[in-house]
PDB file of N, CA and C in Angstrom:
ATOM      1  N   MET A   1      90.887  41.568 110.081  1.00  0.00           N
ATOM      2  CA  MET A   1      91.909  41.391 109.072  1.00  0.00           C
ATOM      3  C   MET A   1      91.532  42.115 107.778  1.00  0.00           C
ATOM      4  N   ILE A   2      90.267  41.972 107.357  1.00  0.00           N
ATOM      5  CA  ILE A   2      89.833  42.660 106.140  1.00  0.00           C
ATOM      6  C   ILE A   2      88.362  43.051 106.293  1.00  0.00           C
ATOM      7  N   GLU A   3      88.071  44.318 106.017  1.00  0.00           N
ATOM      8  CA  GLU A   3      86.693  44.786 106.130  1.00  0.00           C
ATOM      9  C   GLU A   3      86.460  45.978 105.213  1.00  0.00           C
ATOM     10  N   LEU A   4      85.207  46.210 104.928  1.00  0.00           N
ATOM     11  CA  LEU A   4      84.808  47.340 104.096  1.00  0.00           C
ATOM     12  C   LEU A   4      84.380  48.477 105.018  1.00  0.00           C
ATOM     13  N   LEU A   5      85.154  49.572 105.016  1.00  0.00           N
ATOM     14  CA  LEU A   5      84.886  50.738 105.858  1.00  0.00           C
ATOM     15  C   LEU A   5      84.920  51.995 105.007  1.00  0.00           C
ATOM     16  N   ASN A   6      83.886  52.798 105.083  1.00  0.00           N
ATOM     17  CA  ASN A   6      83.852  54.083 104.363  1.00  0.00           C
ATOM     18  C   ASN A   6      84.229  53.929 102.889  1.00  0.00           C
ATOM     19  N   GLN A   7      83.658  52.941 102.246  1.00  0.00           N
ATOM     20  CA  GLN A   7      83.899  52.682 100.815  1.00  0.00           C
ATOM     21  C   GLN A   7      85.354  52.318 100.510  1.00  0.00           C
ATOM     22  N   GLU A   8      86.080  51.821 101.516  1.00  0.00           N
ATOM     23  CA  GLU A   8      87.445  51.336 101.309  1.00  0.00           C
ATOM     24  C   GLU A   8      87.557  49.921 101.854  1.00  0.00           C
ATOM     25  N   LEU A   9      88.294  49.098 101.142  1.00  0.00           N
ATOM     26  CA  LEU A   9      88.612  47.765 101.612  1.00  0.00           C
ATOM     27  C   LEU A   9      89.875  47.904 102.453  1.00  0.00           C
ATOM     28  N   VAL A  10      89.759  47.696 103.759  1.00  0.00           N
ATOM     29  CA  VAL A  10      90.868  47.938 104.687  1.00  0.00           C
ATOM     30  C   VAL A  10      91.487  46.610 105.109  1.00  0.00           C
ATOM     31  N   LEU A  11      92.787  46.473 104.837  1.00  0.00           N
ATOM     32  CA  LEU A  11      93.540  45.302 105.269  1.00  0.00           C
ATOM     33  C   LEU A  11      94.303  45.668 106.527  1.00  0.00           C
ATOM     34  N   SER A  12      94.305  44.775 107.499  1.00  0.00           N
ATOM     35  CA  SER A  12      95.080  45.001 108.710  1.00  0.00           C
ATOM     36  C   SER A  12      95.752  43.699 109.113  1.00  0.00           C
ATOM     37  N   GLY A  13      96.757  43.824 109.929  1.00  0.00           N
ATOM     38  CA  GLY A  13      97.473  42.637 110.380  1.00  0.00           C
ATOM     39  C   GLY A  13      98.526  42.210 109.379  1.00  0.00           C
ATOM     40  N   LYS A  14      98.684  40.911 109.269  1.00  0.00           N
ATOM     41  CA  LYS A  14      99.754  40.337 108.445  1.00  0.00           C
ATOM     42  C   LYS A  14      99.182  39.274 107.515  1.00  0.00           C
ATOM     43  N   ILE A  15      99.647  39.263 106.282  1.00  0.00           N
ATOM     44  CA  ILE A  15      99.288  38.195 105.347  1.00  0.00           C
ATOM     45  C   ILE A  15     100.483  37.257 105.276  1.00  0.00           C
ATOM     46  N   ASP A  16     100.253  35.998 105.643  1.00  0.00           N
ATOM     47  CA  ASP A  16     101.328  35.012 105.606  1.00  0.00           C
ATOM     48  C   ASP A  16     100.815  33.721 104.961  1.00  0.00           C
ATOM     49  N   PHE A  17     101.645  32.692 104.939  1.00  0.00           N
ATOM     50  CA  PHE A  17     101.255  31.448 104.278  1.00  0.00           C
ATOM     51  C   PHE A  17     100.082  30.762 104.982  1.00  0.00           C
ATOM     52  N   ILE A  18      99.906  31.035 106.260  1.00  0.00           N
ATOM     53  CA  ILE A  18      98.823  30.406 107.008  1.00  0.00           C
ATOM     54  C   ILE A  18      97.465  30.992 106.641  1.00  0.00           C
ATOM     55  N   ASN A  19      97.395  32.321 106.432  1.00  0.00           N
ATOM     56  CA  ASN A  19      96.099  32.959 106.214  1.00  0.00           C
ATOM     57  C   ASN A  19      95.892  33.553 104.818  1.00  0.00           C
ATOM     58  N   ALA A  20      96.850  33.423 103.928  1.00  0.00           N
ATOM     59  CA  ALA A  20      96.761  34.067 102.609  1.00  0.00           C
ATOM     60  C   ALA A  20      95.514  33.628 101.831  1.00  0.00           C
ATOM     61  N   GLU A  21      95.220  32.358 101.834  1.00  0.00           N
ATOM     62  CA  GLU A  21      94.048  31.854 101.100  1.00  0.00           C
ATOM     63  C   GLU A  21      92.756  32.430 101.680  1.00  0.00           C
ATOM     64  N   SER A  22      92.671  32.484 102.997  1.00  0.00           N
ATOM     65  CA  SER A  22      91.497  33.029 103.662  1.00  0.00           C
ATOM     66  C   SER A  22      91.340  34.521 103.376  1.00  0.00           C
ATOM     67  N   VAL A  23      92.426  35.278 103.444  1.00  0.00           N
ATOM     68  CA  VAL A  23      92.390  36.715 103.148  1.00  0.00           C
ATOM     69  C   VAL A  23      91.964  36.926 101.693  1.00  0.00           C
ATOM     70  N   TYR A  24      92.521  36.126 100.792  1.00  0.00           N
ATOM     71  CA  TYR A  24      92.158  36.227  99.380  1.00  0.00           C
ATOM     72  C   TYR A  24      90.658  36.023  99.194  1.00  0.00           C
ATOM     73  N   ARG A  25      90.118  34.950  99.767  1.00  0.00           N
ATOM     74  CA  ARG A  25      88.701  34.626  99.591  1.00  0.00           C
ATOM     75  C   ARG A  25      87.786  35.670 100.238  1.00  0.00           C
ATOM     76  N   GLN A  26      88.134  36.126 101.444  1.00  0.00           N
ATOM     77  CA  GLN A  26      87.329  37.151 102.111  1.00  0.00           C
ATOM     78  C   GLN A  26      87.315  38.438 101.285  1.00  0.00           C
ATOM     79  N   GLY A  27      88.494  38.841 100.823  1.00  0.00           N
ATOM     80  CA  GLY A  27      88.582  40.053 100.010  1.00  0.00           C
ATOM     81  C   GLY A  27      87.833  39.915  98.701  1.00  0.00           C
ATOM     82  N   LEU A  28      87.960  38.763  98.062  1.00  0.00           N
ATOM     83  CA  LEU A  28      87.274  38.535  96.793  1.00  0.00           C
ATOM     84  C   LEU A  28      85.762  38.608  96.976  1.00  0.00           C
ATOM     85  N   ASN A  29      85.253  38.047  98.060  1.00  0.00           N
ATOM     86  CA  ASN A  29      83.809  38.120  98.335  1.00  0.00           C
ATOM     87  C   ASN A  29      83.358  39.565  98.500  1.00  0.00           C
ATOM     88  N   LEU A  30      84.131  40.366  99.226  1.00  0.00           N
ATOM     89  CA  LEU A  30      83.789  41.778  99.419  1.00  0.00           C
ATOM     90  C   LEU A  30      83.860  42.547  98.098  1.00  0.00           C
ATOM     91  N   ILE A  31      84.884  42.261  97.297  1.00  0.00           N
ATOM     92  CA  ILE A  31      85.048  42.940  95.998  1.00  0.00           C
ATOM     93  C   ILE A  31      83.899  42.589  95.064  1.00  0.00           C
ATOM     94  N   GLN A  32      83.549  41.311  94.995  1.00  0.00           N
ATOM     95  CA  GLN A  32      82.486  40.884  94.094  1.00  0.00           C
ATOM     96  C   GLN A  32      81.118  41.395  94.533  1.00  0.00           C
ATOM     97  N   ALA A  33      80.944  41.645  95.831  1.00  0.00           N
ATOM     98  CA  ALA A  33      79.675  42.174  96.330  1.00  0.00           C
ATOM     99  C   ALA A  33      79.592  43.694  96.180  1.00  0.00           C
ATOM    100  N   HIS A  34      80.724  44.328  95.917  1.00  0.00           N
ATOM    101  CA  HIS A  34      80.773  45.786  95.795  1.00  0.00           C
ATOM    102  C   HIS A  34      80.271  46.197  94.409  1.00  0.00           C
ATOM    103  N   ALA A  35      79.406  47.176  94.359  1.00  0.00           N
ATOM    104  CA  ALA A  35      78.784  47.563  93.093  1.00  0.00           C
ATOM    105  C   ALA A  35      79.512  48.694  92.372  1.00  0.00           C
ATOM    106  N   GLN A  36      80.218  49.538  93.097  1.00  0.00           N
ATOM    107  CA  GLN A  36      80.847  50.700  92.470  1.00  0.00           C
ATOM    108  C   GLN A  36      82.362  50.527  92.409  1.00  0.00           C
ATOM    109  N   PHE A  37      82.887  50.802  91.251  1.00  0.00           N
ATOM    110  CA  PHE A  37      84.338  50.748  91.057  1.00  0.00           C
ATOM    111  C   PHE A  37      84.795  52.086  90.507  1.00  0.00           C
ATOM    112  N   PRO A  38      86.009  52.516  90.763  1.00  0.00           N
ATOM    113  CA  PRO A  38      87.061  51.774  91.443  1.00  0.00           C
ATOM    114  C   PRO A  38      86.841  51.695  92.951  1.00  0.00           C
ATOM    115  N   LEU A  39      87.379  50.652  93.521  1.00  0.00           N
ATOM    116  CA  LEU A  39      87.344  50.420  94.962  1.00  0.00           C
ATOM    117  C   LEU A  39      88.756  50.658  95.504  1.00  0.00           C
ATOM    118  N   VAL A  40      88.852  51.440  96.566  1.00  0.00           N
ATOM    119  CA  VAL A  40      90.149  51.731  97.171  1.00  0.00           C
ATOM    120  C   VAL A  40      90.492  50.627  98.173  1.00  0.00           C
ATOM    121  N   VAL A  41      91.704  50.086  98.040  1.00  0.00           N
ATOM    122  CA  VAL A  41      92.225  49.096  98.980  1.00  0.00           C
ATOM    123  C   VAL A  41      93.234  49.833  99.859  1.00  0.00           C
ATOM    124  N   ASN A  42      92.890  50.012 101.133  1.00  0.00           N
ATOM    125  CA  ASN A  42      93.716  50.765 102.063  1.00  0.00           C
ATOM    126  C   ASN A  42      94.651  49.805 102.805  1.00  0.00           C
ATOM    127  N   LEU A  43      95.959  50.019 102.635  1.00  0.00           N
ATOM    128  CA  LEU A  43      96.959  49.133 103.224  1.00  0.00           C
ATOM    129  C   LEU A  43      97.666  49.760 104.423  1.00  0.00           C
ATOM    130  N   ALA A  44      97.133  50.864 104.951  1.00  0.00           N
ATOM    131  CA  ALA A  44      97.791  51.596 106.042  1.00  0.00           C
ATOM    132  C   ALA A  44      97.981  50.737 107.289  1.00  0.00           C
ATOM    133  N   GLN A  45      97.087  49.779 107.530  1.00  0.00           N
ATOM    134  CA  GLN A  45      97.177  48.965 108.743  1.00  0.00           C
ATOM    135  C   GLN A  45      97.813  47.598 108.499  1.00  0.00           C
ATOM    136  N   LEU A  46      98.317  47.379 107.295  1.00  0.00           N
ATOM    137  CA  LEU A  46      98.991  46.124 106.980  1.00  0.00           C
ATOM    138  C   LEU A  46     100.354  46.117 107.666  1.00  0.00           C
ATOM    139  N   GLU A  47     100.677  45.054 108.394  1.00  0.00           N
ATOM    140  CA  GLU A  47     101.917  45.010 109.173  1.00  0.00           C
ATOM    141  C   GLU A  47     103.169  44.977 108.304  1.00  0.00           C
ATOM    142  N   GLN A  48     103.111  44.260 107.195  1.00  0.00           N
ATOM    143  CA  GLN A  48     104.277  44.220 106.313  1.00  0.00           C
ATOM    144  C   GLN A  48     103.839  43.986 104.883  1.00  0.00           C
ATOM    145  N   GLY A  49     104.581  44.584 103.977  1.00  0.00           N
ATOM    146  CA  GLY A  49     104.278  44.449 102.560  1.00  0.00           C
ATOM    147  C   GLY A  49     105.163  43.402 101.925  1.00  0.00           C
ATOM    148  N   SER A  50     104.730  42.177 101.929  1.00  0.00           N
ATOM    149  CA  SER A  50     105.514  41.065 101.405  1.00  0.00           C
ATOM    150  C   SER A  50     105.103  40.711  99.982  1.00  0.00           C
ATOM    151  N   THR A  51     105.883  39.846  99.373  1.00  0.00           N
ATOM    152  CA  THR A  51     105.529  39.375  98.030  1.00  0.00           C
ATOM    153  C   THR A  51     104.227  38.576  98.079  1.00  0.00           C
ATOM    154  N   LEU A  52     103.991  37.871  99.172  1.00  0.00           N
ATOM    155  CA  LEU A  52     102.756  37.108  99.320  1.00  0.00           C
ATOM    156  C   LEU A  52     101.549  38.042  99.393  1.00  0.00           C
ATOM    157  N   ALA A  53     101.668  39.125 100.146  1.00  0.00           N
ATOM    158  CA  ALA A  53     100.585  40.115 100.228  1.00  0.00           C
ATOM    159  C   ALA A  53     100.335  40.724  98.856  1.00  0.00           C
ATOM    160  N   LEU A  54     101.396  41.041  98.131  1.00  0.00           N
ATOM    161  CA  LEU A  54     101.260  41.602  96.788  1.00  0.00           C
ATOM    162  C   LEU A  54     100.577  40.604  95.854  1.00  0.00           C
ATOM    163  N   ALA A  55     100.901  39.334  95.991  1.00  0.00           N
ATOM    164  CA  ALA A  55     100.272  38.304  95.153  1.00  0.00           C
ATOM    165  C   ALA A  55      98.757  38.258  95.391  1.00  0.00           C
ATOM    166  N   VAL A  56      98.331  38.402  96.636  1.00  0.00           N
ATOM    167  CA  VAL A  56      96.896  38.432  96.949  1.00  0.00           C
ATOM    168  C   VAL A  56      96.246  39.627  96.251  1.00  0.00           C
ATOM    169  N   LEU A  57      96.879  40.799  96.320  1.00  0.00           N
ATOM    170  CA  LEU A  57      96.329  42.003  95.692  1.00  0.00           C
ATOM    171  C   LEU A  57      96.217  41.848  94.178  1.00  0.00           C
ATOM    172  N   VAL A  58      97.241  41.276  93.562  1.00  0.00           N
ATOM    173  CA  VAL A  58      97.229  41.083  92.107  1.00  0.00           C
ATOM    174  C   VAL A  58      96.140  40.094  91.713  1.00  0.00           C
ATOM    175  N   GLN A  59      95.942  39.051  92.509  1.00  0.00           N
ATOM    176  CA  GLN A  59      94.877  38.080  92.209  1.00  0.00           C
ATOM    177  C   GLN A  59      93.503  38.729  92.319  1.00  0.00           C
ATOM    178  N   TRP A  60      93.326  39.605  93.302  1.00  0.00           N
ATOM    179  CA  TRP A  60      92.059  40.333  93.395  1.00  0.00           C
ATOM    180  C   TRP A  60      91.844  41.162  92.147  1.00  0.00           C
ATOM    181  N   LEU A  61      92.889  41.862  91.722  1.00  0.00           N
ATOM    182  CA  LEU A  61      92.789  42.732  90.550  1.00  0.00           C
ATOM    183  C   LEU A  61      92.383  41.938  89.318  1.00  0.00           C
ATOM    184  N   ARG A  62      92.882  40.733  89.191  1.00  0.00           N
ATOM    185  CA  ARG A  62      92.543  39.880  88.044  1.00  0.00           C
ATOM    186  C   ARG A  62      91.080  39.472  88.022  1.00  0.00           C
ATOM    187  N   LYS A  63      90.421  39.523  89.168  1.00  0.00           N
ATOM    188  CA  LYS A  63      89.016  39.112  89.267  1.00  0.00           C
ATOM    189  C   LYS A  63      88.045  40.284  89.178  1.00  0.00           C
ATOM    190  N   THR A  64      88.552  41.498  88.951  1.00  0.00           N
ATOM    191  CA  THR A  64      87.696  42.679  88.876  1.00  0.00           C
ATOM    192  C   THR A  64      87.307  42.966  87.432  1.00  0.00           C
ATOM    193  N   PRO A  65      86.300  43.830  87.235  1.00  0.00           N
ATOM    194  CA  PRO A  65      85.807  44.105  85.879  1.00  0.00           C
ATOM    195  C   PRO A  65      86.853  44.640  84.905  1.00  0.00           C
ATOM    196  N   ASN A  66      87.772  45.466  85.379  1.00  0.00           N
ATOM    197  CA  ASN A  66      88.837  45.959  84.492  1.00  0.00           C
ATOM    198  C   ASN A  66      90.084  46.291  85.308  1.00  0.00           C
ATOM    199  N   ALA A  67      91.146  46.613  84.636  1.00  0.00           N
ATOM    200  CA  ALA A  67      92.443  46.810  85.293  1.00  0.00           C
ATOM    201  C   ALA A  67      92.478  47.998  86.244  1.00  0.00           C
ATOM    202  N   GLN A  68      91.547  48.916  86.122  1.00  0.00           N
ATOM    203  CA  GLN A  68      91.530  50.090  86.995  1.00  0.00           C
ATOM    204  C   GLN A  68      90.490  49.963  88.111  1.00  0.00           C
ATOM    205  N   SER A  69      89.973  48.784  88.337  1.00  0.00           N
ATOM    206  CA  SER A  69      88.898  48.590  89.304  1.00  0.00           C
ATOM    207  C   SER A  69      89.349  48.731  90.756  1.00  0.00           C
ATOM    208  N   LEU A  70      90.624  48.468  91.025  1.00  0.00           N
ATOM    209  CA  LEU A  70      91.154  48.607  92.376  1.00  0.00           C
ATOM    210  C   LEU A  70      92.231  49.677  92.392  1.00  0.00           C
ATOM    211  N   GLN A  71      92.177  50.514  93.416  1.00  0.00           N
ATOM    212  CA  GLN A  71      93.204  51.528  93.634  1.00  0.00           C
ATOM    213  C   GLN A  71      93.820  51.241  94.993  1.00  0.00           C
ATOM    214  N   PHE A  72      95.141  51.311  95.077  1.00  0.00           N
ATOM    215  CA  PHE A  72      95.840  50.935  96.296  1.00  0.00           C
ATOM    216  C   PHE A  72      96.361  52.176  97.009  1.00  0.00           C
ATOM    217  N   LYS A  73      96.010  52.284  98.287  1.00  0.00           N
ATOM    218  CA  LYS A  73      96.312  53.458  99.107  1.00  0.00           C
ATOM    219  C   LYS A  73      97.206  53.047 100.277  1.00  0.00           C
ATOM    220  N   ALA A  74      98.146  53.927 100.636  1.00  0.00           N
ATOM    221  CA  ALA A  74      99.037  53.706 101.781  1.00  0.00           C
ATOM    222  C   ALA A  74      99.833  52.407 101.623  1.00  0.00           C
ATOM    223  N   VAL A  75     100.408  52.218 100.449  1.00  0.00           N
ATOM    224  CA  VAL A  75     101.191  51.014 100.168  1.00  0.00           C
ATOM    225  C   VAL A  75     102.493  51.069 100.977  1.00  0.00           C
ATOM    226  N   PRO A  76     102.797  50.010 101.748  1.00  0.00           N
ATOM    227  CA  PRO A  76     104.022  49.997 102.541  1.00  0.00           C
ATOM    228  C   PRO A  76     105.277  50.145 101.664  1.00  0.00           C
ATOM    229  N   GLU A  77     106.299  50.759 102.217  1.00  0.00           N
ATOM    230  CA  GLU A  77     107.542  51.030 101.479  1.00  0.00           C
ATOM    231  C   GLU A  77     108.148  49.752 100.888  1.00  0.00           C
ATOM    232  N   LYS A  78     108.163  48.682 101.681  1.00  0.00           N
ATOM    233  CA  LYS A  78     108.731  47.425 101.190  1.00  0.00           C
ATOM    234  C   LYS A  78     107.959  46.910  99.972  1.00  0.00           C
ATOM    235  N   MET A  79     106.630  47.022 100.025  1.00  0.00           N
ATOM    236  CA  MET A  79     105.816  46.565  98.907  1.00  0.00           C
ATOM    237  C   MET A  79     106.043  47.443  97.680  1.00  0.00           C
ATOM    238  N   LEU A  80     106.214  48.749  97.883  1.00  0.00           N
ATOM    239  CA  LEU A  80     106.520  49.643  96.757  1.00  0.00           C
ATOM    240  C   LEU A  80     107.800  49.212  96.053  1.00  0.00           C
ATOM    241  N   LYS A  81     108.795  48.829  96.825  1.00  0.00           N
ATOM    242  CA  LYS A  81     110.071  48.381  96.237  1.00  0.00           C
ATOM    243  C   LYS A  81     109.885  47.089  95.445  1.00  0.00           C
ATOM    244  N   ILE A  82     109.066  46.186  95.957  1.00  0.00           N
ATOM    245  CA  ILE A  82     108.783  44.938  95.238  1.00  0.00           C
ATOM    246  C   ILE A  82     108.039  45.253  93.937  1.00  0.00           C
ATOM    247  N   ILE A  83     107.069  46.153  94.006  1.00  0.00           N
ATOM    248  CA  ILE A  83     106.302  46.560  92.823  1.00  0.00           C
ATOM    249  C   ILE A  83     107.232  47.135  91.763  1.00  0.00           C
ATOM    250  N   GLN A  84     108.159  47.987  92.175  1.00  0.00           N
ATOM    251  CA  GLN A  84     109.104  48.585  91.231  1.00  0.00           C
ATOM    252  C   GLN A  84     110.063  47.542  90.669  1.00  0.00           C
ATOM    253  N   ALA A  85     110.541  46.634  91.513  1.00  0.00           N
ATOM    254  CA  ALA A  85     111.474  45.602  91.056  1.00  0.00           C
ATOM    255  C   ALA A  85     110.817  44.667  90.048  1.00  0.00           C
ATOM    256  N   CYS A  86     109.516  44.459  90.195  1.00  0.00           N
ATOM    257  CA  CYS A  86     108.766  43.584  89.282  1.00  0.00           C
ATOM    258  C   CYS A  86     108.154  44.346  88.116  1.00  0.00           C
ATOM    259  N   HIS A  87     108.400  45.647  88.058  1.00  0.00           N
ATOM    260  CA  HIS A  87     107.868  46.517  86.999  1.00  0.00           C
ATOM    261  C   HIS A  87     106.344  46.473  86.939  1.00  0.00           C
ATOM    262  N   LEU A  88     105.708  46.491  88.107  1.00  0.00           N
ATOM    263  CA  LEU A  88     104.250  46.453  88.181  1.00  0.00           C
ATOM    264  C   LEU A  88     103.631  47.836  88.403  1.00  0.00           C
ATOM    265  N   GLN A  89     104.451  48.870  88.532  1.00  0.00           N
ATOM    266  CA  GLN A  89     103.923  50.205  88.847  1.00  0.00           C
ATOM    267  C   GLN A  89     102.963  50.709  87.772  1.00  0.00           C
ATOM    268  N   ASP A  90     103.092  50.265  86.543  1.00  0.00           N
ATOM    269  CA  ASP A  90     102.165  50.685  85.487  1.00  0.00           C
ATOM    270  C   ASP A  90     100.883  49.856  85.480  1.00  0.00           C
ATOM    271  N   ASP A  91     100.921  48.696  86.123  1.00  0.00           N
ATOM    272  CA  ASP A  91      99.765  47.798  86.161  1.00  0.00           C
ATOM    273  C   ASP A  91      98.862  48.041  87.369  1.00  0.00           C
ATOM    274  N   LEU A  92      99.427  48.614  88.422  1.00  0.00           N
ATOM    275  CA  LEU A  92      98.674  48.861  89.644  1.00  0.00           C
ATOM    276  C   LEU A  92      98.419  50.355  89.791  1.00  0.00           C
ATOM    277  N   GLN A  93      97.219  50.710  90.151  1.00  0.00           N
ATOM    278  CA  GLN A  93      96.881  52.119  90.338  1.00  0.00           C
ATOM    279  C   GLN A  93      97.162  52.469  91.804  1.00  0.00           C
ATOM    280  N   LEU A  94      98.272  53.185  92.033  1.00  0.00           N
ATOM    281  CA  LEU A  94      98.700  53.542  93.376  1.00  0.00           C
ATOM    282  C   LEU A  94      98.300  54.984  93.679  1.00  0.00           C
ATOM    283  N   LEU A  95      97.654  55.171  94.825  1.00  0.00           N
ATOM    284  CA  LEU A  95      97.237  56.499  95.246  1.00  0.00           C
ATOM    285  C   LEU A  95      98.279  57.085  96.189  1.00  0.00           C
ATOM    286  N   ALA A  96      98.450  58.388  96.115  1.00  0.00           N
ATOM    287  CA  ALA A  96      99.442  59.048  96.984  1.00  0.00           C
ATOM    288  C   ALA A  96      98.947  59.152  98.396  1.00  0.00           C
TER     289      ALA A  96
END
């Protein structure tokens, strides 16, 4: 579901109400153990970009040393639309 590969935090599968807390905690542990920032969060294998998944990402960002500590890669189209609707595109560092 979440692992550190090639200096990227890779999310796979689906984040839902059943596993959101677990995904958050696992990711936070990996982020806090990581020494170099920014850290790329790769979402290419995420099954769907929901508001719940976005909430997990934003909570991780709040726990990092600064606002540019996480960079988001391969953001799903649905999540991009949610980010734009919430006017978060300036708060999240999105990679092409």
